Amino acid sequence: LRTRAADAAWQLRDGDLVLDFTLPPGSYATVLLSELADPGETTGG
Protein backbone atom coordinates (compact mmCIF):
# COMPACT_ATOMS: atom_id res chain seq x y z
CA LEU A 1 0.00 0.00 0.00
CA ARG A 2 1.54 3.26 -1.17
CA THR A 3 0.91 6.33 0.90
CA ARG A 4 1.66 9.99 0.25
CA ALA A 5 4.60 9.73 2.60
CA ALA A 6 5.97 6.80 0.61
CA ASP A 7 5.49 8.68 -2.66
CA ALA A 8 7.23 11.72 -1.22
CA ALA A 9 10.09 9.56 -0.02
CA TRP A 10 10.52 7.97 -3.44
CA GLN A 11 10.35 11.34 -5.19
CA LEU A 12 12.91 12.76 -2.77
CA ARG A 13 15.12 9.74 -3.39
CA ASP A 14 14.80 10.22 -7.15
CA GLY A 15 15.81 13.85 -6.72
CA ASP A 16 12.38 15.21 -7.57
CA LEU A 17 11.16 17.12 -4.54
CA VAL A 18 7.40 17.40 -4.85
CA LEU A 19 5.80 17.81 -1.45
CA ASP A 20 3.22 20.41 -2.40
CA PHE A 21 0.48 17.84 -1.94
CA THR A 22 1.54 17.05 1.61
CA LEU A 23 3.15 20.18 2.99
CA PRO A 24 2.10 23.82 2.54
CA PRO A 25 4.63 25.97 0.65
CA GLY A 26 7.00 27.81 2.92
CA SER A 27 6.63 25.35 5.79
CA TYR A 28 9.75 24.50 7.80
CA ALA A 29 9.75 20.89 6.62
CA THR A 30 9.39 21.91 2.97
CA VAL A 31 12.23 24.42 3.21
CA LEU A 32 14.40 21.97 5.11
CA LEU A 33 13.83 19.17 2.61
CA SER A 34 14.36 21.59 -0.23
CA GLU A 35 17.75 22.62 1.13
CA LEU A 36 18.65 18.97 1.72
CA ALA A 37 17.71 18.13 -1.85
CA ASP A 38 19.57 21.15 -3.26
CA PRO A 39 22.39 22.16 -0.90
CA GLY A 40 23.69 24.57 -3.51
CA GLU A 41 20.54 26.66 -3.41
CA THR A 42 19.41 28.64 -0.39
CA THR A 43 16.00 30.18 0.23
CA GLY A 44 17.61 33.31 1.64
CA GLY A 45 15.11 33.42 4.50
PDB file of N, CA and C in Angstrom:
ATOM      1  N   LEU A   1       0.850  -1.212   0.000  1.00  0.00           N
ATOM      2  CA  LEU A   1       0.000   0.000   0.000  1.00  0.00           C
ATOM      3  C   LEU A   1       0.875   1.249   0.000  1.00  0.00           C
ATOM      4  N   ARG A   2       0.739   2.037  -1.058  1.00  0.00           N
ATOM      5  CA  ARG A   2       1.539   3.257  -1.166  1.00  0.00           C
ATOM      6  C   ARG A   2       0.813   4.436  -0.544  1.00  0.00           C
ATOM      7  N   THR A   3       1.499   5.168   0.261  1.00  0.00           N
ATOM      8  CA  THR A   3       0.912   6.335   0.902  1.00  0.00           C
ATOM      9  C   THR A   3       1.581   7.588   0.367  1.00  0.00           C
ATOM     10  N   ARG A   4       1.054   8.738   0.721  1.00  0.00           N
ATOM     11  CA  ARG A   4       1.658   9.989   0.254  1.00  0.00           C
ATOM     12  C   ARG A   4       3.077  10.130   0.781  1.00  0.00           C
ATOM     13  N   ALA A   5       3.269   9.656   2.001  1.00  0.00           N
ATOM     14  CA  ALA A   5       4.601   9.727   2.599  1.00  0.00           C
ATOM     15  C   ALA A   5       5.578   8.875   1.793  1.00  0.00           C
ATOM     16  N   ALA A   6       5.114   7.697   1.388  1.00  0.00           N
ATOM     17  CA  ALA A   6       5.967   6.802   0.608  1.00  0.00           C
ATOM     18  C   ALA A   6       6.286   7.433  -0.744  1.00  0.00           C
ATOM     19  N   ASP A   7       5.275   8.030  -1.374  1.00  0.00           N
ATOM     20  CA  ASP A   7       5.491   8.684  -2.665  1.00  0.00           C
ATOM     21  C   ASP A   7       6.486   9.822  -2.521  1.00  0.00           C
ATOM     22  N   ALA A   8       6.332  10.595  -1.463  1.00  0.00           N
ATOM     23  CA  ALA A   8       7.231  11.719  -1.224  1.00  0.00           C
ATOM     24  C   ALA A   8       8.657  11.229  -1.017  1.00  0.00           C
ATOM     25  N   ALA A   9       8.773  10.121  -0.284  1.00  0.00           N
ATOM     26  CA  ALA A   9      10.092   9.560  -0.017  1.00  0.00           C
ATOM     27  C   ALA A   9      10.749   9.101  -1.312  1.00  0.00           C
ATOM     28  N   TRP A  10       9.983   8.445  -2.173  1.00  0.00           N
ATOM     29  CA  TRP A  10      10.522   7.968  -3.438  1.00  0.00           C
ATOM     30  C   TRP A  10      10.909   9.137  -4.330  1.00  0.00           C
ATOM     31  N   GLN A  11      10.060  10.180  -4.359  1.00  0.00           N
ATOM     32  CA  GLN A  11      10.346  11.340  -5.188  1.00  0.00           C
ATOM     33  C   GLN A  11      11.589  12.052  -4.684  1.00  0.00           C
ATOM     34  N   LEU A  12      11.731  12.128  -3.355  1.00  0.00           N
ATOM     35  CA  LEU A  12      12.907  12.763  -2.774  1.00  0.00           C
ATOM     36  C   LEU A  12      14.152  11.941  -3.104  1.00  0.00           C
ATOM     37  N   ARG A  13      13.997  10.625  -3.090  1.00  0.00           N
ATOM     38  CA  ARG A  13      15.116   9.744  -3.395  1.00  0.00           C
ATOM     39  C   ARG A  13      15.517   9.876  -4.858  1.00  0.00           C
ATOM     40  N   ASP A  14      14.531  10.095  -5.713  1.00  0.00           N
ATOM     41  CA  ASP A  14      14.804  10.222  -7.148  1.00  0.00           C
ATOM     42  C   ASP A  14      15.340  11.603  -7.477  1.00  0.00           C
ATOM     43  N   GLY A  15      15.303  12.503  -6.499  1.00  0.00           N
ATOM     44  CA  GLY A  15      15.814  13.848  -6.722  1.00  0.00           C
ATOM     45  C   GLY A  15      14.727  14.819  -7.136  1.00  0.00           C
ATOM     46  N   ASP A  16      13.495  14.333  -7.212  1.00  0.00           N
ATOM     47  CA  ASP A  16      12.381  15.211  -7.566  1.00  0.00           C
ATOM     48  C   ASP A  16      11.598  15.546  -6.307  1.00  0.00           C
ATOM     49  N   LEU A  17      11.825  16.730  -5.783  1.00  0.00           N
ATOM     50  CA  LEU A  17      11.157  17.120  -4.544  1.00  0.00           C
ATOM     51  C   LEU A  17       9.792  17.719  -4.843  1.00  0.00           C
ATOM     52  N   VAL A  18       8.765  16.916  -4.623  1.00  0.00           N
ATOM     53  CA  VAL A  18       7.396  17.398  -4.854  1.00  0.00           C
ATOM     54  C   VAL A  18       6.557  17.086  -3.627  1.00  0.00           C
ATOM     55  N   LEU A  19       6.545  18.027  -2.688  1.00  0.00           N
ATOM     56  CA  LEU A  19       5.805  17.805  -1.446  1.00  0.00           C
ATOM     57  C   LEU A  19       4.650  18.792  -1.316  1.00  0.00           C
ATOM     58  N   ASP A  20       4.287  19.414  -2.436  1.00  0.00           N
ATOM     59  CA  ASP A  20       3.223  20.412  -2.403  1.00  0.00           C
ATOM     60  C   ASP A  20       1.901  19.789  -1.982  1.00  0.00           C
ATOM     61  N   PHE A  21       1.742  18.485  -2.251  1.00  0.00           N
ATOM     62  CA  PHE A  21       0.476  17.837  -1.943  1.00  0.00           C
ATOM     63  C   PHE A  21       0.412  17.391  -0.486  1.00  0.00           C
ATOM     64  N   THR A  22       1.522  17.475   0.218  1.00  0.00           N
ATOM     65  CA  THR A  22       1.536  17.051   1.615  1.00  0.00           C
ATOM     66  C   THR A  22       1.848  18.209   2.550  1.00  0.00           C
ATOM     67  N   LEU A  23       2.750  19.085   2.137  1.00  0.00           N
ATOM     68  CA  LEU A  23       3.147  20.185   2.995  1.00  0.00           C
ATOM     69  C   LEU A  23       2.859  21.523   2.320  1.00  0.00           C
ATOM     70  N   PRO A  24       2.356  22.491   3.076  1.00  0.00           N
ATOM     71  CA  PRO A  24       2.098  23.820   2.543  1.00  0.00           C
ATOM     72  C   PRO A  24       3.401  24.509   2.176  1.00  0.00           C
ATOM     73  N   PRO A  25       3.417  25.270   1.075  1.00  0.00           N
ATOM     74  CA  PRO A  25       4.629  25.970   0.651  1.00  0.00           C
ATOM     75  C   PRO A  25       5.132  26.914   1.736  1.00  0.00           C
ATOM     76  N   GLY A  26       6.438  26.895   1.946  1.00  0.00           N
ATOM     77  CA  GLY A  26       6.996  27.809   2.925  1.00  0.00           C
ATOM     78  C   GLY A  26       7.071  27.210   4.316  1.00  0.00           C
ATOM     79  N   SER A  27       6.567  25.991   4.479  1.00  0.00           N
ATOM     80  CA  SER A  27       6.628  25.354   5.792  1.00  0.00           C
ATOM     81  C   SER A  27       8.068  24.963   6.107  1.00  0.00           C
ATOM     82  N   TYR A  28       8.380  24.811   7.377  1.00  0.00           N
ATOM     83  CA  TYR A  28       9.749  24.503   7.798  1.00  0.00           C
ATOM     84  C   TYR A  28      10.229  23.211   7.158  1.00  0.00           C
ATOM     85  N   ALA A  29       9.370  22.193   7.166  1.00  0.00           N
ATOM     86  CA  ALA A  29       9.745  20.890   6.617  1.00  0.00           C
ATOM     87  C   ALA A  29      10.041  21.004   5.122  1.00  0.00           C
ATOM     88  N   THR A  30       9.196  21.758   4.416  1.00  0.00           N
ATOM     89  CA  THR A  30       9.386  21.910   2.974  1.00  0.00           C
ATOM     90  C   THR A  30      10.707  22.600   2.678  1.00  0.00           C
ATOM     91  N   VAL A  31      10.982  23.684   3.408  1.00  0.00           N
ATOM     92  CA  VAL A  31      12.228  24.424   3.211  1.00  0.00           C
ATOM     93  C   VAL A  31      13.425  23.556   3.555  1.00  0.00           C
ATOM     94  N   LEU A  32      13.304  22.825   4.668  1.00  0.00           N
ATOM     95  CA  LEU A  32      14.404  21.972   5.111  1.00  0.00           C
ATOM     96  C   LEU A  32      14.697  20.894   4.080  1.00  0.00           C
ATOM     97  N   LEU A  33      13.655  20.216   3.608  1.00  0.00           N
ATOM     98  CA  LEU A  33      13.833  19.166   2.615  1.00  0.00           C
ATOM     99  C   LEU A  33      14.348  19.746   1.309  1.00  0.00           C
ATOM    100  N   SER A  34      13.909  20.944   0.998  1.00  0.00           N
ATOM    101  CA  SER A  34      14.360  21.590  -0.233  1.00  0.00           C
ATOM    102  C   SER A  34      15.857  21.858  -0.172  1.00  0.00           C
ATOM    103  N   GLU A  35      16.324  22.331   0.979  1.00  0.00           N
ATOM    104  CA  GLU A  35      17.749  22.616   1.134  1.00  0.00           C
ATOM    105  C   GLU A  35      18.553  21.322   1.143  1.00  0.00           C
ATOM    106  N   LEU A  36      17.970  20.264   1.694  1.00  0.00           N
ATOM    107  CA  LEU A  36      18.653  18.972   1.716  1.00  0.00           C
ATOM    108  C   LEU A  36      18.763  18.416   0.305  1.00  0.00           C
ATOM    109  N   ALA A  37      17.720  18.638  -0.482  1.00  0.00           N
ATOM    110  CA  ALA A  37      17.705  18.132  -1.852  1.00  0.00           C
ATOM    111  C   ALA A  37      18.668  18.943  -2.717  1.00  0.00           C
ATOM    112  N   ASP A  38      18.693  20.274  -2.485  1.00  0.00           N
ATOM    113  CA  ASP A  38      19.568  21.150  -3.262  1.00  0.00           C
ATOM    114  C   ASP A  38      20.417  22.002  -2.334  1.00  0.00           C
ATOM    115  N   PRO A  39      21.510  21.439  -1.837  1.00  0.00           N
ATOM    116  CA  PRO A  39      22.388  22.157  -0.904  1.00  0.00           C
ATOM    117  C   PRO A  39      22.976  23.418  -1.529  1.00  0.00           C
ATOM    118  N   GLY A  40      23.075  23.434  -2.840  1.00  0.00           N
ATOM    119  CA  GLY A  40      23.687  24.573  -3.511  1.00  0.00           C
ATOM    120  C   GLY A  40      22.779  25.782  -3.557  1.00  0.00           C
ATOM    121  N   GLU A  41      21.485  25.552  -3.348  1.00  0.00           N
ATOM    122  CA  GLU A  41      20.539  26.663  -3.413  1.00  0.00           C
ATOM    123  C   GLU A  41      20.005  26.964  -2.021  1.00  0.00           C
ATOM    124  N   THR A  42      19.935  28.251  -1.686  1.00  0.00           N
ATOM    125  CA  THR A  42      19.408  28.639  -0.386  1.00  0.00           C
ATOM    126  C   THR A  42      18.177  29.504  -0.583  1.00  0.00           C
ATOM    127  N   THR A  43      17.239  29.416   0.348  1.00  0.00           N
ATOM    128  CA  THR A  43      16.001  30.176   0.229  1.00  0.00           C
ATOM    129  C   THR A  43      16.255  31.648   0.545  1.00  0.00           C
ATOM    130  N   GLY A  44      17.277  31.927   1.314  1.00  0.00           N
ATOM    131  CA  GLY A  44      17.610  33.311   1.638  1.00  0.00           C
ATOM    132  C   GLY A  44      16.763  33.847   2.768  1.00  0.00           C
ATOM    133  N   GLY A  45      15.897  33.002   3.355  1.00  0.00           N
ATOM    134  CA  GLY A  45      15.110  33.424   4.501  1.00  0.00           C
ATOM    135  C   GLY A  45      14.171  34.532   4.148  1.00  0.00           C
TER     136      GLY A  45
END
